[in-house]
Amino acid sequence: MDFGCGNIEDCGKYILNKKDFYLGFDIHKESLEYAKKKYRTKKVNFTEKIPNKKFDIIIISEVLEHLHKPEEVLFELKDKLRKDGLILGSIPNGYGLTEIEKFVIHKFFIYDFLKFLYSFFKKEKVKNKHIPFNHDSGHVQFFTLLRFKKMINKCNLKIHEIRNGTLMGADISGSTLLKFEFTKKINTKIADFIPHFMSATWIFKLIKDD
């Protein structure tokens, strides 16, 4: 199950295969409708309600920071895991370069200004290119690694592995500097050699601790 799958363009589509069953869960109807039309098959489905069943793997990528009560969600997801199941996911460093970039560009309306310039100078609009996204769900949690580990312990889960994800990458840098494959690789490669507190994102693997 991909919890908080959205339109699945950023994460989910990369784990689809012909062998495993995939269930995407989200509360944003427009994103789910888009994903259903583009990706639904006999083994790929989407839902707005978590089913009463167990899963081998639960994905929770870039979701916890959007939740007002992430501990309650983790407790619920833990109960949906099979005995040897895994929770795989990622969260942004609440005080890393990504969050700093987000704060600056939104605080000073830089992002809105650039969007206006783009729409003003763009001569032709490309039809049917709109991909729905839940823009109304912003970050309400700003994790440090210590706080994240305490939350995991509180939820009776155990961190099996945690590693750095990227050095940076928010709205502007992601659509300019990091839009190329070679810069994406550099961004992730650098993260392998820096301390955890400098990483913009953390990738984790969780298992049951009971």
C-alpha atoms as a PDB file:
ATOM      1  CA  MET A   1       0.000   0.000   0.000  1.00  0.00           C
ATOM      2  CA  ASP A   2       1.230   3.449  -0.958  1.00  0.00           C
ATOM      3  CA  PHE A   3      -0.143   5.693   1.811  1.00  0.00           C
ATOM      4  CA  GLY A   4      -0.605   9.260   0.582  1.00  0.00           C
ATOM      5  CA  CYS A   5       0.103   8.241  -3.006  1.00  0.00           C
ATOM      6  CA  GLY A   6      -1.258  11.437  -4.576  1.00  0.00           C
ATOM      7  CA  ASN A   7      -1.069  11.303  -8.368  1.00  0.00           C
ATOM      8  CA  ILE A   8       1.757   8.671  -8.014  1.00  0.00           C
ATOM      9  CA  GLU A   9       3.949  10.550 -10.510  1.00  0.00           C
ATOM     10  CA  ASP A  10       6.636  11.373  -7.924  1.00  0.00           C
ATOM     11  CA  CYS A  11       6.987   7.955  -6.291  1.00  0.00           C
ATOM     12  CA  GLY A  12       4.362   5.288  -6.890  1.00  0.00           C
ATOM     13  CA  LYS A  13       4.821   4.801 -10.617  1.00  0.00           C
ATOM     14  CA  TYR A  14       8.444   3.780 -10.091  1.00  0.00           C
ATOM     15  CA  ILE A  15       7.487   0.730  -8.007  1.00  0.00           C
ATOM     16  CA  LEU A  16       4.741  -0.603 -10.259  1.00  0.00           C
ATOM     17  CA  ASN A  17       5.545  -3.985 -11.765  1.00  0.00           C
ATOM     18  CA  LYS A  18       3.857  -7.048 -13.233  1.00  0.00           C
ATOM     19  CA  LYS A  19       4.365  -9.234 -10.134  1.00  0.00           C
ATOM     20  CA  ASP A  20       3.193  -7.265  -7.081  1.00  0.00           C
ATOM     21  CA  PHE A  21      -0.217  -5.859  -6.193  1.00  0.00           C
ATOM     22  CA  TYR A  22      -0.231  -2.116  -5.605  1.00  0.00           C
ATOM     23  CA  LEU A  23      -2.869  -0.143  -3.698  1.00  0.00           C
ATOM     24  CA  GLY A  24      -2.618   3.632  -3.624  1.00  0.00           C
ATOM     25  CA  PHE A  25      -4.402   5.476  -0.819  1.00  0.00           C
ATOM     26  CA  ASP A  26      -5.079   9.205  -0.732  1.00  0.00           C
ATOM     27  CA  ILE A  27      -7.801  11.680   0.268  1.00  0.00           C
ATOM     28  CA  HIS A  28      -7.252  14.043  -2.671  1.00  0.00           C
ATOM     29  CA  LYS A  29      -9.925  12.976  -5.151  1.00  0.00           C
ATOM     30  CA  GLU A  30      -8.524  14.764  -8.207  1.00  0.00           C
ATOM     31  CA  SER A  31      -5.126  13.123  -7.816  1.00  0.00           C
ATOM     32  CA  LEU A  32      -6.702   9.694  -7.371  1.00  0.00           C
ATOM     33  CA  GLU A  33      -8.897  10.104 -10.439  1.00  0.00           C
ATOM     34  CA  TYR A  34      -5.849  11.059 -12.483  1.00  0.00           C
ATOM     35  CA  ALA A  35      -3.913   8.028 -11.189  1.00  0.00           C
ATOM     36  CA  LYS A  36      -6.836   5.683 -11.847  1.00  0.00           C
ATOM     37  CA  LYS A  37      -7.226   6.792 -15.446  1.00  0.00           C
ATOM     38  CA  LYS A  38      -3.519   6.547 -16.204  1.00  0.00           C
ATOM     39  CA  TYR A  39      -2.271   3.586 -14.159  1.00  0.00           C
ATOM     40  CA  ARG A  40      -5.101   1.309 -12.949  1.00  0.00           C
ATOM     41  CA  THR A  41      -4.838  -2.349 -14.002  1.00  0.00           C
ATOM     42  CA  LYS A  42      -5.824  -5.713 -12.504  1.00  0.00           C
ATOM     43  CA  LYS A  43      -2.903  -5.410 -10.070  1.00  0.00           C
ATOM     44  CA  VAL A  44      -2.913  -1.647  -9.589  1.00  0.00           C
ATOM     45  CA  ASN A  45      -5.788   0.029  -7.767  1.00  0.00           C
ATOM     46  CA  PHE A  46      -6.582   3.140  -5.722  1.00  0.00           C
ATOM     47  CA  THR A  47      -8.803   3.944  -2.751  1.00  0.00           C
ATOM     48  CA  GLU A  48      -9.944   6.731  -0.421  1.00  0.00           C
ATOM     49  CA  LYS A  49     -10.479   4.243   2.420  1.00  0.00           C
ATOM     50  CA  ILE A  50      -7.850   2.005   4.010  1.00  0.00           C
ATOM     51  CA  PRO A  51      -9.028  -1.618   3.651  1.00  0.00           C
ATOM     52  CA  ASN A  52      -9.206  -4.055   6.540  1.00  0.00           C
ATOM     53  CA  LYS A  53      -6.289  -6.218   5.434  1.00  0.00           C
ATOM     54  CA  LYS A  54      -2.566  -6.731   6.029  1.00  0.00           C
ATOM     55  CA  PHE A  55       0.257  -5.627   3.745  1.00  0.00           C
ATOM     56  CA  ASP A  56       3.820  -6.823   3.124  1.00  0.00           C
ATOM     57  CA  ILE A  57       5.069  -3.309   2.433  1.00  0.00           C
ATOM     58  CA  ILE A  58       3.611   0.103   3.218  1.00  0.00           C
ATOM     59  CA  ILE A  59       5.084   3.146   1.489  1.00  0.00           C
ATOM     60  CA  ILE A  60       4.797   6.512   3.252  1.00  0.00           C
ATOM     61  CA  SER A  61       6.911   8.880   1.186  1.00  0.00           C
ATOM     62  CA  GLU A  62       6.911  12.608   2.036  1.00  0.00           C
ATOM     63  CA  VAL A  63       3.638  12.310   3.970  1.00  0.00           C
ATOM     64  CA  LEU A  64       4.293  12.497   7.722  1.00  0.00           C
ATOM     65  CA  GLU A  65       5.223  16.175   7.563  1.00  0.00           C
ATOM     66  CA  HIS A  66       1.716  16.957   6.244  1.00  0.00           C
ATOM     67  CA  LEU A  67      -0.114  15.276   9.135  1.00  0.00           C
ATOM     68  CA  HIS A  68      -1.291  16.984  12.315  1.00  0.00           C
ATOM     69  CA  LYS A  69      -1.130  13.677  14.207  1.00  0.00           C
ATOM     70  CA  PRO A  70       1.572  11.541  12.527  1.00  0.00           C
ATOM     71  CA  GLU A  71       1.874   9.221  15.553  1.00  0.00           C
ATOM     72  CA  GLU A  72      -1.753   8.108  15.206  1.00  0.00           C
ATOM     73  CA  VAL A  73      -1.231   7.353  11.518  1.00  0.00           C
ATOM     74  CA  LEU A  74       1.906   5.317  12.232  1.00  0.00           C
ATOM     75  CA  PHE A  75       0.058   3.298  14.879  1.00  0.00           C
ATOM     76  CA  GLU A  76      -2.665   2.513  12.358  1.00  0.00           C
ATOM     77  CA  LEU A  77      -0.188   1.604   9.634  1.00  0.00           C
ATOM     78  CA  LYS A  78       1.732  -0.664  12.016  1.00  0.00           C
ATOM     79  CA  ASP A  79      -1.457  -2.647  12.608  1.00  0.00           C
ATOM     80  CA  LYS A  80      -1.818  -3.058   8.839  1.00  0.00           C
ATOM     81  CA  LEU A  81       1.589  -4.737   8.510  1.00  0.00           C
ATOM     82  CA  ARG A  82       2.053  -8.461   8.292  1.00  0.00           C
ATOM     83  CA  LYS A  83       4.394 -10.085  10.806  1.00  0.00           C
ATOM     84  CA  ASP A  84       7.535  -9.519   8.740  1.00  0.00           C
ATOM     85  CA  GLY A  85       6.244  -6.437   6.938  1.00  0.00           C
ATOM     86  CA  LEU A  86       8.097  -3.203   6.268  1.00  0.00           C
ATOM     87  CA  ILE A  87       7.274   0.478   6.252  1.00  0.00           C
ATOM     88  CA  LEU A  88       9.418   2.281   3.689  1.00  0.00           C
ATOM     89  CA  GLY A  89       9.360   6.034   3.478  1.00  0.00           C
ATOM     90  CA  SER A  90      10.998   9.421   3.577  1.00  0.00           C
ATOM     91  CA  ILE A  91      10.617  12.740   5.378  1.00  0.00           C
ATOM     92  CA  PRO A  92      12.208  16.140   4.836  1.00  0.00           C
ATOM     93  CA  ASN A  93      14.663  17.512   7.347  1.00  0.00           C
ATOM     94  CA  GLY A  94      12.576  20.251   8.959  1.00  0.00           C
ATOM     95  CA  TYR A  95      15.641  22.491   9.106  1.00  0.00           C
ATOM     96  CA  GLY A  96      17.462  21.403   5.934  1.00  0.00           C
ATOM     97  CA  LEU A  97      18.088  23.246   2.672  1.00  0.00           C
ATOM     98  CA  THR A  98      14.768  22.181   1.174  1.00  0.00           C
ATOM     99  CA  GLU A  99      12.705  23.668   3.996  1.00  0.00           C
ATOM    100  CA  ILE A 100      14.869  26.798   4.026  1.00  0.00           C
ATOM    101  CA  GLU A 101      14.281  27.256   0.290  1.00  0.00           C
ATOM    102  CA  LYS A 102      10.530  26.707   0.709  1.00  0.00           C
ATOM    103  CA  PHE A 103      10.375  29.255   3.510  1.00  0.00           C
ATOM    104  CA  VAL A 104      12.259  31.926   1.566  1.00  0.00           C
ATOM    105  CA  ILE A 105      10.425  31.583  -1.754  1.00  0.00           C
ATOM    106  CA  HIS A 106       6.989  31.562  -0.125  1.00  0.00           C
ATOM    107  CA  LYS A 107       7.728  34.178   2.524  1.00  0.00           C
ATOM    108  CA  PHE A 108       8.814  36.694  -0.106  1.00  0.00           C
ATOM    109  CA  PHE A 109       6.364  35.489  -2.825  1.00  0.00           C
ATOM    110  CA  ILE A 110       9.249  34.532  -5.123  1.00  0.00           C
ATOM    111  CA  TYR A 111       7.514  31.383  -6.345  1.00  0.00           C
ATOM    112  CA  ASP A 112       4.271  33.213  -7.180  1.00  0.00           C
ATOM    113  CA  PHE A 113       6.215  35.912  -9.012  1.00  0.00           C
ATOM    114  CA  LEU A 114       8.106  33.373 -11.129  1.00  0.00           C
ATOM    115  CA  LYS A 115       4.877  31.548 -11.932  1.00  0.00           C
ATOM    116  CA  PHE A 116       3.384  34.852 -13.113  1.00  0.00           C
ATOM    117  CA  LEU A 117       6.395  35.580 -15.325  1.00  0.00           C
ATOM    118  CA  TYR A 118       6.252  32.090 -16.792  1.00  0.00           C
ATOM    119  CA  SER A 119       2.555  32.366 -17.648  1.00  0.00           C
ATOM    120  CA  PHE A 120       3.034  35.893 -19.014  1.00  0.00           C
ATOM    121  CA  PHE A 121       5.863  35.036 -21.406  1.00  0.00           C
ATOM    122  CA  LYS A 122       4.595  31.616 -22.386  1.00  0.00           C
ATOM    123  CA  LYS A 123       3.054  32.100 -25.808  1.00  0.00           C
ATOM    124  CA  GLU A 124       1.268  28.792 -26.217  1.00  0.00           C
ATOM    125  CA  LYS A 125      -0.477  26.758 -23.561  1.00  0.00           C
ATOM    126  CA  VAL A 126      -0.021  23.021 -23.792  1.00  0.00           C
ATOM    127  CA  LYS A 127      -3.363  21.267 -23.579  1.00  0.00           C
ATOM    128  CA  ASN A 128      -4.053  18.242 -21.346  1.00  0.00           C
ATOM    129  CA  LYS A 129      -0.797  18.620 -19.425  1.00  0.00           C
ATOM    130  CA  HIS A 130      -2.395  19.445 -16.064  1.00  0.00           C
ATOM    131  CA  ILE A 131      -1.438  16.969 -13.353  1.00  0.00           C
ATOM    132  CA  PRO A 132      -3.514  17.435 -10.174  1.00  0.00           C
ATOM    133  CA  PHE A 133      -1.671  17.983  -6.908  1.00  0.00           C
ATOM    134  CA  ASN A 134      -2.884  18.681  -3.369  1.00  0.00           C
ATOM    135  CA  HIS A 135      -1.448  22.194  -2.991  1.00  0.00           C
ATOM    136  CA  ASP A 136      -3.650  22.899   0.030  1.00  0.00           C
ATOM    137  CA  SER A 137      -1.837  20.336   2.181  1.00  0.00           C
ATOM    138  CA  GLY A 138       1.327  22.090   3.336  1.00  0.00           C
ATOM    139  CA  HIS A 139       3.966  21.062   5.869  1.00  0.00           C
ATOM    140  CA  VAL A 140       2.778  21.206   9.467  1.00  0.00           C
ATOM    141  CA  GLN A 141       5.558  19.086  10.994  1.00  0.00           C
ATOM    142  CA  PHE A 142       9.243  20.042  10.931  1.00  0.00           C
ATOM    143  CA  PHE A 143      11.248  17.038  12.027  1.00  0.00           C
ATOM    144  CA  THR A 144      14.713  16.754  13.438  1.00  0.00           C
ATOM    145  CA  LEU A 145      16.239  13.303  13.303  1.00  0.00           C
ATOM    146  CA  LEU A 146      16.039  13.021  17.094  1.00  0.00           C
ATOM    147  CA  ARG A 147      12.351  13.915  17.157  1.00  0.00           C
ATOM    148  CA  PHE A 148      11.637  11.447  14.363  1.00  0.00           C
ATOM    149  CA  LYS A 149      13.410   8.615  16.224  1.00  0.00           C
ATOM    150  CA  LYS A 150      11.488   9.373  19.429  1.00  0.00           C
ATOM    151  CA  MET A 151       8.208   9.272  17.493  1.00  0.00           C
ATOM    152  CA  ILE A 152       9.092   5.909  15.961  1.00  0.00           C
ATOM    153  CA  ASN A 153       9.889   4.418  19.367  1.00  0.00           C
ATOM    154  CA  LYS A 154       6.639   5.786  20.770  1.00  0.00           C
ATOM    155  CA  CYS A 155       4.734   4.003  18.006  1.00  0.00           C
ATOM    156  CA  ASN A 156       6.305   0.609  18.866  1.00  0.00           C
ATOM    157  CA  LEU A 157       8.211   0.582  15.624  1.00  0.00           C
ATOM    158  CA  LYS A 158      11.924   0.061  15.086  1.00  0.00           C
ATOM    159  CA  ILE A 159      14.224   1.818  12.641  1.00  0.00           C
ATOM    160  CA  HIS A 160      15.854  -0.957  10.623  1.00  0.00           C
ATOM    161  CA  GLU A 161      17.745   1.491   8.425  1.00  0.00           C
ATOM    162  CA  ILE A 162      17.918   5.232   7.853  1.00  0.00           C
ATOM    163  CA  ARG A 163      20.040   7.141   5.365  1.00  0.00           C
ATOM    164  CA  ASN A 164      20.381  10.543   3.758  1.00  0.00           C
ATOM    165  CA  GLY A 165      18.301  11.185   0.658  1.00  0.00           C
ATOM    166  CA  THR A 166      19.348  14.440  -1.003  1.00  0.00           C
ATOM    167  CA  LEU A 167      21.291  17.596  -0.274  1.00  0.00           C
ATOM    168  CA  MET A 168      18.562  19.966  -1.529  1.00  0.00           C
ATOM    169  CA  GLY A 169      15.538  20.234  -3.788  1.00  0.00           C
ATOM    170  CA  ALA A 170      12.423  22.386  -3.350  1.00  0.00           C
ATOM    171  CA  ASP A 171      10.128  24.164  -5.824  1.00  0.00           C
ATOM    172  CA  ILE A 172      12.611  26.367  -7.684  1.00  0.00           C
ATOM    173  CA  SER A 173      15.819  24.328  -7.424  1.00  0.00           C
ATOM    174  CA  GLY A 174      13.871  21.175  -8.307  1.00  0.00           C
ATOM    175  CA  SER A 175      12.447  22.675 -11.500  1.00  0.00           C
ATOM    176  CA  THR A 176      15.686  24.359 -12.609  1.00  0.00           C
ATOM    177  CA  LEU A 177      19.036  23.180 -11.267  1.00  0.00           C
ATOM    178  CA  LEU A 178      17.835  19.673 -10.420  1.00  0.00           C
ATOM    179  CA  LYS A 179      15.669  18.995 -13.472  1.00  0.00           C
ATOM    180  CA  PHE A 180      18.506  17.176 -15.242  1.00  0.00           C
ATOM    181  CA  GLU A 181      19.392  13.534 -14.573  1.00  0.00           C
ATOM    182  CA  PHE A 182      23.083  14.219 -13.940  1.00  0.00           C
ATOM    183  CA  THR A 183      22.349  16.959 -11.386  1.00  0.00           C
ATOM    184  CA  LYS A 184      19.826  14.675  -9.663  1.00  0.00           C
ATOM    185  CA  LYS A 185      22.522  12.016  -9.345  1.00  0.00           C
ATOM    186  CA  ILE A 186      25.004  14.550  -7.945  1.00  0.00           C
ATOM    187  CA  ASN A 187      22.392  15.758  -5.465  1.00  0.00           C
ATOM    188  CA  THR A 188      21.806  12.252  -4.099  1.00  0.00           C
ATOM    189  CA  LYS A 189      25.467  11.239  -4.261  1.00  0.00           C
ATOM    190  CA  ILE A 190      26.601  14.212  -2.174  1.00  0.00           C
ATOM    191  CA  ALA A 191      24.044  13.244   0.469  1.00  0.00           C
ATOM    192  CA  ASP A 192      25.897   9.944   1.017  1.00  0.00           C
ATOM    193  CA  PHE A 193      28.908  11.816   2.385  1.00  0.00           C
ATOM    194  CA  ILE A 194      27.396  14.519   4.584  1.00  0.00           C
ATOM    195  CA  PRO A 195      26.229  14.325   8.238  1.00  0.00           C
ATOM    196  CA  HIS A 196      22.566  13.501   8.808  1.00  0.00           C
ATOM    197  CA  PHE A 197      21.740  16.999  10.039  1.00  0.00           C
ATOM    198  CA  MET A 198      22.832  18.496   6.690  1.00  0.00           C
ATOM    199  CA  SER A 199      20.684  16.244   4.527  1.00  0.00           C
ATOM    200  CA  ALA A 200      17.471  17.693   3.086  1.00  0.00           C
ATOM    201  CA  THR A 201      15.646  14.359   3.313  1.00  0.00           C
ATOM    202  CA  TRP A 202      15.929  11.095   5.205  1.00  0.00           C
ATOM    203  CA  ILE A 203      14.940   7.709   3.791  1.00  0.00           C
ATOM    204  CA  PHE A 204      13.943   5.033   6.289  1.00  0.00           C
ATOM    205  CA  LYS A 205      12.935   1.410   6.704  1.00  0.00           C
ATOM    206  CA  LEU A 206      10.768   0.527   9.726  1.00  0.00           C
ATOM    207  CA  ILE A 207       9.793  -2.831  11.229  1.00  0.00           C
ATOM    208  CA  LYS A 208       7.570  -3.847  14.116  1.00  0.00           C
ATOM    209  CA  ASP A 209       9.143  -3.676  17.549  1.00  0.00           C
ATOM    210  CA  ASP A 210       6.812  -6.154  19.251  1.00  0.00           C
END
